[in-house]
Amino acid sequence: MKKLPWIRKLLPALAVLLLLAALWFVFTRTGPLAPIQVTVGQVDEGSVMPQRFGIGTVEAQRSWALGPTATARLRSLAVDVGDRVQAGQVLAEMDLVDFDERLRALDASVARAASQQQAAAALAADAAARLALARANLQRNLDLARQQFISTGALEGREQELRSAQAALAGAESNIQASRLDAQRLAAERAGLKEQRERLRLRAPADAVVVAREGEAGATVVAGQSVFKLVDPASLWLRVRIDQGQSAGLAVGTPAQVVLRSQPQQTHAGRVARLEWLADSVTEERLVLVAFDAVPAAVSIGEMAEVTLLLPASPAGLRVPSASVQNWQGRSGVWRLQSGQAQFVAVQVLARGADGQVLLQAADPAMPLAKGDSVVVHSQRALAPDARIRTVTRLVPGAAQP
């Protein structure tokens, strides 16, 4: 049977129509004209728990660097790195090169001062005796002068002898005072030398742990040079850097969670102990000191840690998943679904919670947000106003988002 000529003429047209239908299906389902697949969440009401994150370094609040106050030689060292010491314990003894000779010289000077003091006392006694004799002679000559047995010149000689005796006694008494002061000075120098010797015994200022030993027996160290470094293990805390833009709301006592680099699977509790007044203007960070509730075992000074500060819950308000807040044309906002189309609503973020929720409010009163509004959390590609949208997933309101 022969095919009809008109059927052969329609076959190419039918093929073209089928091809166009297939292309239309592809473009409207999976191509550029296809609806944008989105994940949708809802605006709900509630509060969020803000957090601040920073990197910290373990430090000691109380530490000491011990060394001599004068150049000396290390005689012996009694402790090493890692040893626990008690307050007043001798850690090292040092020698001054000429200390014994200086001490013997001062002892000799003290003995000499004592001898000089005795000599001055003897001279004073002799001067007092001469003064008494001069007074007696003058009195006798006064009696003789009234009876005109001696001349006026002889009487004046006796008066001169009295004045000389008085001056000699005053000089002797001054010598006694000078020798006494000299003896006191030498005694003070000797006590200072002994105190210096005592300071050459390096003692622990408090119960502590030795973290550094910077000298060995026989070495010479100069004044101010450190021999031992000690820290109070109970005073370990973290110096944490927080972005200045995220530092609002921080206060002393704010709870913290600390994860040490050496113990990544364990979280340690702590609290803000101090907020530094001086911030870093270069990195735009604020320094926060965080103290452990209980100092972890085997923690090392200088170790890095990840610190999360837990701020108080915010007041209740509108909240959405944090992923729904996006930037469009230089503004922050959310894409609200209205009648199956996306509408951009500018918002102001008030707080960000640790559970992936964001507290916000509409930036334009003319375009408010309300509880129950649907917002786009994730889209297959960038959105634009009046874009065709197809919802593929709906999130539970208030659920934590990754």
Protein backbone atom coordinates (compact mmCIF):
# COMPACT_ATOMS: atom_id res chain seq x y z
CA MET A 1 0.00 0.00 0.00
CA LYS A 2 1.41 3.37 -0.92
CA LYS A 3 1.83 6.13 1.66
CA LEU A 4 -0.09 9.26 1.14
CA PRO A 5 1.98 12.21 -0.10
CA TRP A 6 0.61 14.62 2.52
CA ILE A 7 1.81 12.41 5.38
CA ARG A 8 5.35 12.57 4.08
CA LYS A 9 5.07 16.33 3.97
CA LEU A 10 3.89 16.55 7.62
CA LEU A 11 6.65 14.39 9.10
CA PRO A 12 9.37 17.15 9.09
CA ALA A 13 6.96 19.64 10.63
CA LEU A 14 6.00 17.16 13.35
CA ALA A 15 9.69 16.52 14.12
CA VAL A 16 10.35 20.24 14.43
CA LEU A 17 7.37 20.65 16.76
CA LEU A 18 8.55 17.78 18.94
CA LEU A 19 12.05 19.28 19.11
CA LEU A 20 10.69 22.69 20.05
CA ALA A 21 8.51 21.13 22.75
CA ALA A 22 11.48 19.25 24.16
CA LEU A 23 13.61 22.43 24.19
CA TRP A 24 10.79 24.34 25.87
CA PHE A 25 10.48 21.66 28.52
CA VAL A 26 14.25 21.73 29.18
CA PHE A 27 14.41 25.54 29.35
CA THR A 28 11.39 25.84 31.64
CA ARG A 29 12.34 22.97 33.95
CA THR A 30 16.13 22.90 34.15
CA GLY A 31 17.36 25.79 32.02
CA PRO A 32 17.56 29.56 32.49
CA LEU A 33 13.77 29.92 32.37
CA ALA A 34 13.20 27.27 35.01
CA PRO A 35 11.91 28.40 38.43
CA ILE A 36 14.63 28.93 41.02
CA GLN A 37 14.55 26.17 43.59
CA VAL A 38 14.63 27.57 47.10
CA THR A 39 14.64 26.43 50.71
CA VAL A 40 12.13 28.39 52.74
CA GLY A 41 11.98 29.27 56.43
CA GLN A 42 9.58 31.30 58.52
CA VAL A 43 9.86 34.43 60.59
CA ASP A 44 9.07 33.65 64.21
CA GLU A 45 9.36 35.40 67.55
CA GLY A 46 11.86 34.66 70.29
CA SER A 47 15.25 35.56 71.71
CA VAL A 48 18.75 34.52 70.67
CA MET A 49 21.89 33.70 72.66
CA PRO A 50 24.68 35.87 71.21
CA GLN A 51 28.24 34.59 71.23
CA ARG A 52 31.64 36.15 70.61
CA PHE A 53 34.56 34.13 69.32
CA GLY A 54 38.27 34.83 69.70
CA ILE A 55 41.71 33.26 69.75
CA GLY A 56 43.51 33.36 73.10
CA THR A 57 46.94 32.61 74.53
CA VAL A 58 47.53 31.03 77.93
CA GLU A 59 49.42 33.38 80.27
CA ALA A 60 50.16 33.67 83.98
CA GLN A 61 48.61 36.52 85.91
CA ARG A 62 51.33 36.28 88.59
CA SER A 63 54.89 35.60 87.49
CA TRP A 64 58.36 36.50 88.75
CA ALA A 65 61.83 36.85 87.23
CA LEU A 66 64.48 36.30 89.93
CA GLY A 67 68.06 37.49 89.67
CA PRO A 68 70.84 39.17 91.71
CA THR A 69 70.93 42.88 92.52
CA ALA A 70 74.71 42.96 91.99
CA THR A 71 77.12 41.22 89.66
CA ALA A 72 77.98 37.85 91.15
CA ARG A 73 78.93 34.28 90.35
CA LEU A 74 76.44 31.42 90.70
CA ARG A 75 77.67 29.11 93.44
CA SER A 76 74.85 26.54 93.36
CA LEU A 77 71.31 26.02 92.07
CA ALA A 78 68.82 23.95 94.06
CA VAL A 79 65.87 23.63 91.65
CA ASP A 80 65.20 22.97 87.98
CA VAL A 81 62.44 23.59 85.44
CA GLY A 82 59.14 22.03 86.48
CA ASP A 83 59.91 21.96 90.21
CA ARG A 84 57.29 23.31 92.62
CA VAL A 85 58.74 25.64 95.25
CA GLN A 86 57.40 27.17 98.44
CA ALA A 87 57.53 30.77 99.59
CA GLY A 88 60.94 31.59 101.11
CA GLN A 89 62.67 28.48 99.72
CA VAL A 90 66.29 29.07 98.65
CA LEU A 91 66.57 28.47 94.92
CA ALA A 92 70.21 29.45 94.35
CA GLU A 93 73.23 30.91 96.14
CA MET A 94 75.69 33.36 94.64
CA ASP A 95 79.14 34.64 95.48
CA LEU A 96 80.52 38.17 95.32
CA VAL A 97 84.13 38.00 94.23
CA ASP A 98 85.48 40.30 96.99
CA PHE A 99 82.74 39.91 99.58
CA ASP A 100 84.89 38.25 102.31
CA GLU A 101 87.65 40.85 101.93
CA ARG A 102 85.17 43.71 102.15
CA LEU A 103 83.60 42.17 105.25
CA ARG A 104 86.99 41.79 106.96
CA ALA A 105 87.86 45.40 106.06
CA LEU A 106 84.61 46.61 107.63
CA ASP A 107 85.22 44.53 110.76
CA ALA A 108 88.63 46.19 111.09
CA SER A 109 87.10 49.63 110.59
CA VAL A 110 84.47 48.91 113.25
CA ALA A 111 87.20 47.84 115.72
CA ARG A 112 89.20 50.93 114.91
CA ALA A 113 86.15 53.14 115.45
CA ALA A 114 85.62 51.52 118.85
CA SER A 115 89.26 52.26 119.78
CA GLN A 116 88.92 55.85 118.59
CA GLN A 117 85.77 56.20 120.67
CA GLN A 118 87.62 54.98 123.75
CA ALA A 119 90.53 57.35 123.04
CA ALA A 120 88.12 60.25 122.61
CA ALA A 121 86.47 59.37 125.94
CA ALA A 122 89.90 59.31 127.66
CA LEU A 123 90.80 62.69 126.19
CA ALA A 124 87.47 64.07 127.33
CA ALA A 125 88.11 62.79 130.86
CA ASP A 126 91.56 64.41 130.84
CA ALA A 127 90.06 67.68 129.57
CA ALA A 128 87.41 67.58 132.31
CA ALA A 129 90.13 67.09 134.94
CA ARG A 130 92.15 69.99 133.53
CA LEU A 131 89.05 72.15 133.56
CA ALA A 132 88.39 71.33 137.20
CA LEU A 133 92.00 72.17 138.06
CA ALA A 134 91.82 75.44 136.13
CA ARG A 135 88.69 76.44 138.03
CA ALA A 136 90.31 75.67 141.38
CA ASN A 137 93.45 77.63 140.48
CA LEU A 138 91.38 80.56 139.32
CA GLN A 139 89.38 80.59 142.54
CA ARG A 140 92.57 80.59 144.65
CA ASN A 141 94.05 83.41 142.56
CA LEU A 142 90.88 85.42 142.94
CA ASP A 143 91.24 85.20 146.73
CA LEU A 144 94.89 86.19 146.53
CA ALA A 145 94.09 89.07 144.17
CA ARG A 146 91.55 90.48 146.64
CA GLN A 147 94.26 90.41 149.26
CA GLN A 148 96.65 91.98 146.68
CA PHE A 149 99.16 89.13 146.98
CA ILE A 150 99.33 88.58 143.17
CA SER A 151 99.33 90.88 140.22
CA THR A 152 96.50 91.44 137.72
CA GLY A 153 98.55 89.74 134.98
CA ALA A 154 98.85 86.54 136.99
CA LEU A 155 95.08 86.51 137.50
CA GLU A 156 94.46 86.98 133.77
CA GLY A 157 96.76 84.01 133.09
CA ARG A 158 94.62 81.80 135.32
CA GLU A 159 91.48 82.96 133.49
CA GLN A 160 93.10 82.10 130.17
CA GLU A 161 93.94 78.62 131.48
CA LEU A 162 90.24 78.12 132.40
CA ARG A 163 89.07 79.14 128.92
CA SER A 164 91.60 76.80 127.31
CA ALA A 165 90.44 73.92 129.52
CA GLN A 166 86.81 74.60 128.58
CA ALA A 167 87.67 74.61 124.86
CA ALA A 168 89.67 71.40 125.24
CA LEU A 169 86.72 69.69 126.94
CA ALA A 170 84.29 70.86 124.20
CA GLY A 171 86.66 69.53 121.53
CA ALA A 172 86.98 66.20 123.35
CA GLU A 173 83.19 65.88 123.61
CA SER A 174 82.89 66.64 119.86
CA ASN A 175 85.44 63.94 119.14
CA ILE A 176 83.37 61.49 121.18
CA GLN A 177 80.24 62.37 119.17
CA ALA A 178 82.15 62.11 115.87
CA SER A 179 83.61 58.72 116.80
CA ARG A 180 80.16 57.50 117.86
CA LEU A 181 78.64 58.56 114.52
CA ASP A 182 81.52 56.97 112.64
CA ALA A 183 80.93 53.71 114.52
CA GLN A 184 77.22 53.88 113.62
CA ARG A 185 78.06 54.47 109.95
CA LEU A 186 80.41 51.50 109.86
CA ALA A 187 77.85 49.31 111.63
CA ALA A 188 75.24 50.31 109.03
CA GLU A 189 77.64 49.53 106.18
CA ARG A 190 78.36 46.15 107.68
CA ALA A 191 74.64 45.41 108.08
CA GLY A 192 74.07 46.51 104.47
CA LEU A 193 76.84 44.22 103.28
CA LYS A 194 75.30 41.32 105.16
CA GLU A 195 71.90 42.17 103.69
CA GLN A 196 73.50 42.18 100.27
CA ARG A 197 74.92 38.77 101.03
CA GLU A 198 71.46 37.58 102.04
CA ARG A 199 70.03 38.92 98.79
CA LEU A 200 72.50 36.78 96.91
CA ARG A 201 70.43 33.85 98.15
CA LEU A 202 67.59 33.78 95.63
CA ARG A 203 64.39 32.84 97.47
CA ALA A 204 60.94 32.05 96.08
CA PRO A 205 58.57 35.00 96.66
CA ALA A 206 55.51 32.70 96.79
CA ASP A 207 54.38 29.16 96.14
CA ALA A 208 55.12 28.71 92.45
CA VAL A 209 56.47 26.52 89.65
CA VAL A 210 59.84 27.02 87.97
CA VAL A 211 59.24 27.54 84.25
CA ALA A 212 62.72 28.68 83.16
CA ARG A 213 66.30 28.29 84.42
CA GLU A 214 68.68 30.66 82.68
CA GLY A 215 72.00 30.00 84.41
CA GLU A 216 74.30 27.25 85.64
CA ALA A 217 76.70 26.94 88.57
CA GLY A 218 79.93 28.82 87.95
CA ALA A 219 78.42 31.33 85.54
CA THR A 220 78.65 35.05 86.27
CA VAL A 221 75.45 37.09 86.07
CA VAL A 222 75.07 40.85 86.14
CA ALA A 223 72.66 42.90 88.20
CA GLY A 224 69.11 42.56 86.91
CA GLN A 225 69.79 39.43 84.85
CA SER A 226 67.18 36.71 85.33
CA VAL A 227 68.27 33.33 86.69
CA PHE A 228 64.83 31.77 87.32
CA LYS A 229 61.33 32.49 86.05
CA LEU A 230 58.45 31.42 88.27
CA VAL A 231 54.69 31.42 87.78
CA ASP A 232 51.76 30.79 90.07
CA PRO A 233 49.98 27.83 88.41
CA ALA A 234 46.68 28.82 89.97
CA SER A 235 46.77 32.19 88.20
CA LEU A 236 46.76 30.93 84.59
CA TRP A 237 44.33 32.73 82.31
CA LEU A 238 43.89 33.54 78.63
CA ARG A 239 44.57 36.76 76.78
CA VAL A 240 41.86 36.77 74.11
CA ARG A 241 41.51 39.05 71.09
CA ILE A 242 37.94 40.01 70.14
CA ASP A 243 36.91 42.06 67.11
CA GLN A 244 36.10 45.56 68.32
CA GLY A 245 32.89 45.50 66.28
CA GLN A 246 31.75 42.44 68.25
CA SER A 247 32.87 43.57 71.72
CA ALA A 248 29.63 45.31 72.71
CA GLY A 249 27.91 43.60 75.61
CA LEU A 250 31.05 42.06 77.08
CA ALA A 251 31.41 42.45 80.85
CA VAL A 252 33.38 41.01 83.73
CA GLY A 253 31.84 37.68 84.67
CA THR A 254 30.63 36.79 81.16
CA PRO A 255 30.75 32.95 80.86
CA ALA A 256 33.24 31.46 78.42
CA GLN A 257 33.98 28.11 76.81
CA VAL A 258 37.64 27.32 76.15
CA VAL A 259 39.04 24.68 73.80
CA LEU A 260 42.81 24.26 74.13
CA ARG A 261 44.84 23.26 71.08
CA SER A 262 46.34 20.38 73.06
CA GLN A 263 42.89 19.14 74.14
CA PRO A 264 40.62 19.71 71.12
CA GLN A 265 37.97 17.23 72.30
CA GLN A 266 37.44 18.86 75.69
CA THR A 267 35.75 22.14 76.60
CA HIS A 268 36.78 24.04 79.74
CA ALA A 269 34.60 26.56 81.52
CA GLY A 270 35.79 30.06 82.34
CA ARG A 271 34.69 33.65 82.87
CA VAL A 272 35.83 37.09 81.78
CA ALA A 273 38.14 38.38 84.51
CA ARG A 274 39.18 41.70 82.99
CA LEU A 275 38.45 43.94 80.01
CA GLU A 276 41.58 45.81 78.95
CA TRP A 277 41.23 49.57 78.49
CA LEU A 278 43.88 49.64 75.75
CA ALA A 279 42.74 48.14 72.44
CA ASP A 280 44.86 47.26 69.41
CA SER A 281 44.28 50.04 66.87
CA VAL A 282 46.17 48.17 64.13
CA THR A 283 44.21 44.91 64.19
CA GLU A 284 41.05 46.62 65.52
CA GLU A 285 40.74 44.11 68.33
CA ARG A 286 39.98 44.41 72.02
CA LEU A 287 41.88 42.41 74.62
CA VAL A 288 39.86 40.32 77.07
CA LEU A 289 41.34 38.32 79.97
CA VAL A 290 39.48 35.06 80.60
CA ALA A 291 40.12 33.04 83.78
CA PHE A 292 39.54 29.29 84.06
CA ASP A 293 36.95 28.05 86.53
CA ALA A 294 39.41 25.19 87.13
CA VAL A 295 42.89 25.32 85.58
CA PRO A 296 43.24 22.30 83.25
CA ALA A 297 45.94 19.75 83.89
CA ALA A 298 49.01 19.74 81.62
CA VAL A 299 48.23 23.16 80.17
CA SER A 300 51.30 25.04 78.92
CA ILE A 301 52.01 28.76 79.00
CA GLY A 302 51.86 30.22 75.52
CA GLU A 303 49.41 27.59 74.28
CA MET A 304 46.74 28.78 71.87
CA ALA A 305 43.05 28.28 72.56
CA GLU A 306 39.69 28.92 70.94
CA VAL A 307 37.45 30.94 73.25
CA THR A 308 33.69 31.42 72.92
CA LEU A 309 32.08 34.08 75.12
CA LEU A 310 28.41 33.47 75.97
CA LEU A 311 26.45 36.72 76.23
CA PRO A 312 23.05 37.01 77.95
CA ALA A 313 19.94 36.23 75.92
CA SER A 314 18.60 39.12 73.86
CA PRO A 315 15.09 40.56 74.28
CA ALA A 316 12.40 38.76 72.31
CA GLY A 317 11.82 39.89 68.73
CA LEU A 318 11.55 38.70 65.14
CA ARG A 319 14.11 36.10 64.23
CA VAL A 320 15.05 34.17 61.11
CA PRO A 321 17.77 31.67 60.13
CA SER A 322 21.05 33.52 59.69
CA ALA A 323 21.47 32.15 56.14
CA SER A 324 18.37 34.05 55.05
CA VAL A 325 20.07 37.43 55.59
CA GLN A 326 21.70 38.34 52.27
CA ASN A 327 23.15 41.39 50.54
CA TRP A 328 21.47 42.85 47.47
CA GLN A 329 22.46 46.12 45.86
CA GLY A 330 24.58 47.06 48.88
CA ARG A 331 21.83 46.49 51.45
CA SER A 332 21.23 43.70 53.96
CA GLY A 333 17.86 42.05 53.90
CA VAL A 334 15.78 38.94 53.39
CA TRP A 335 13.84 37.64 50.37
CA ARG A 336 10.23 37.32 51.44
CA LEU A 337 7.87 35.14 49.44
CA GLN A 338 4.66 36.87 48.51
CA SER A 339 2.18 35.36 46.08
CA GLY A 340 4.86 32.93 44.88
CA GLN A 341 7.39 35.67 44.06
CA ALA A 342 10.46 36.98 45.87
CA GLN A 343 10.38 40.42 47.43
CA PHE A 344 13.49 41.97 49.00
CA VAL A 345 12.94 43.47 52.46
CA ALA A 346 15.79 45.50 53.95
CA VAL A 347 16.49 44.64 57.59
CA GLN A 348 18.71 45.67 60.48
CA VAL A 349 20.41 42.81 62.33
CA LEU A 350 20.12 43.26 66.10
CA ALA A 351 21.86 40.11 67.39
CA ARG A 352 23.24 36.82 66.13
CA GLY A 353 22.66 33.66 68.12
CA ALA A 354 24.87 30.63 68.53
CA ASP A 355 22.12 28.37 67.13
CA GLY A 356 22.09 29.98 63.68
CA GLN A 357 19.22 32.36 64.43
CA VAL A 358 19.33 36.11 63.83
CA LEU A 359 17.30 38.75 65.64
CA LEU A 360 16.31 41.56 63.30
CA GLN A 361 13.85 44.27 62.44
CA ALA A 362 12.73 45.81 59.17
CA ALA A 363 14.80 48.81 58.11
CA ASP A 364 11.93 50.44 56.20
CA PRO A 365 8.61 50.85 58.07
CA ALA A 366 6.85 50.82 54.70
CA MET A 367 7.96 47.21 54.15
CA PRO A 368 7.61 45.52 57.55
CA LEU A 369 8.18 41.91 58.47
CA ALA A 370 5.69 39.90 60.51
CA LYS A 371 5.64 36.61 62.33
CA GLY A 372 4.80 33.78 59.95
CA ASP A 373 6.26 35.42 56.82
CA SER A 374 8.12 33.00 54.56
CA VAL A 375 11.72 33.92 53.73
CA VAL A 376 14.26 32.29 51.45
CA VAL A 377 17.04 30.56 53.39
CA HIS A 378 18.86 29.08 50.40
CA SER A 379 18.41 29.50 46.65
CA GLN A 380 19.71 27.57 43.68
CA ARG A 381 21.08 30.79 42.21
CA ALA A 382 20.97 34.55 42.89
CA LEU A 383 17.50 35.99 43.29
CA ALA A 384 15.96 39.08 41.80
CA PRO A 385 12.59 40.76 42.34
CA ASP A 386 9.66 38.93 40.71
CA ALA A 387 11.84 35.87 39.99
CA ARG A 388 9.96 32.57 39.43
CA ILE A 389 10.45 30.39 42.50
CA ARG A 390 9.77 26.79 43.36
CA THR A 391 9.93 25.72 46.99
CA VAL A 392 11.70 22.41 47.51
CA THR A 393 12.19 22.41 51.31
CA ARG A 394 10.47 24.10 54.22
CA LEU A 395 12.35 24.50 57.49
CA VAL A 396 10.81 24.23 60.92
CA PRO A 397 10.49 27.72 62.46
CA GLY A 398 13.18 28.42 65.09
CA ALA A 399 15.24 25.34 64.16
CA ALA A 400 19.03 25.69 64.40
CA GLN A 401 20.73 26.05 61.03
CA PRO A 402 24.23 24.90 60.12
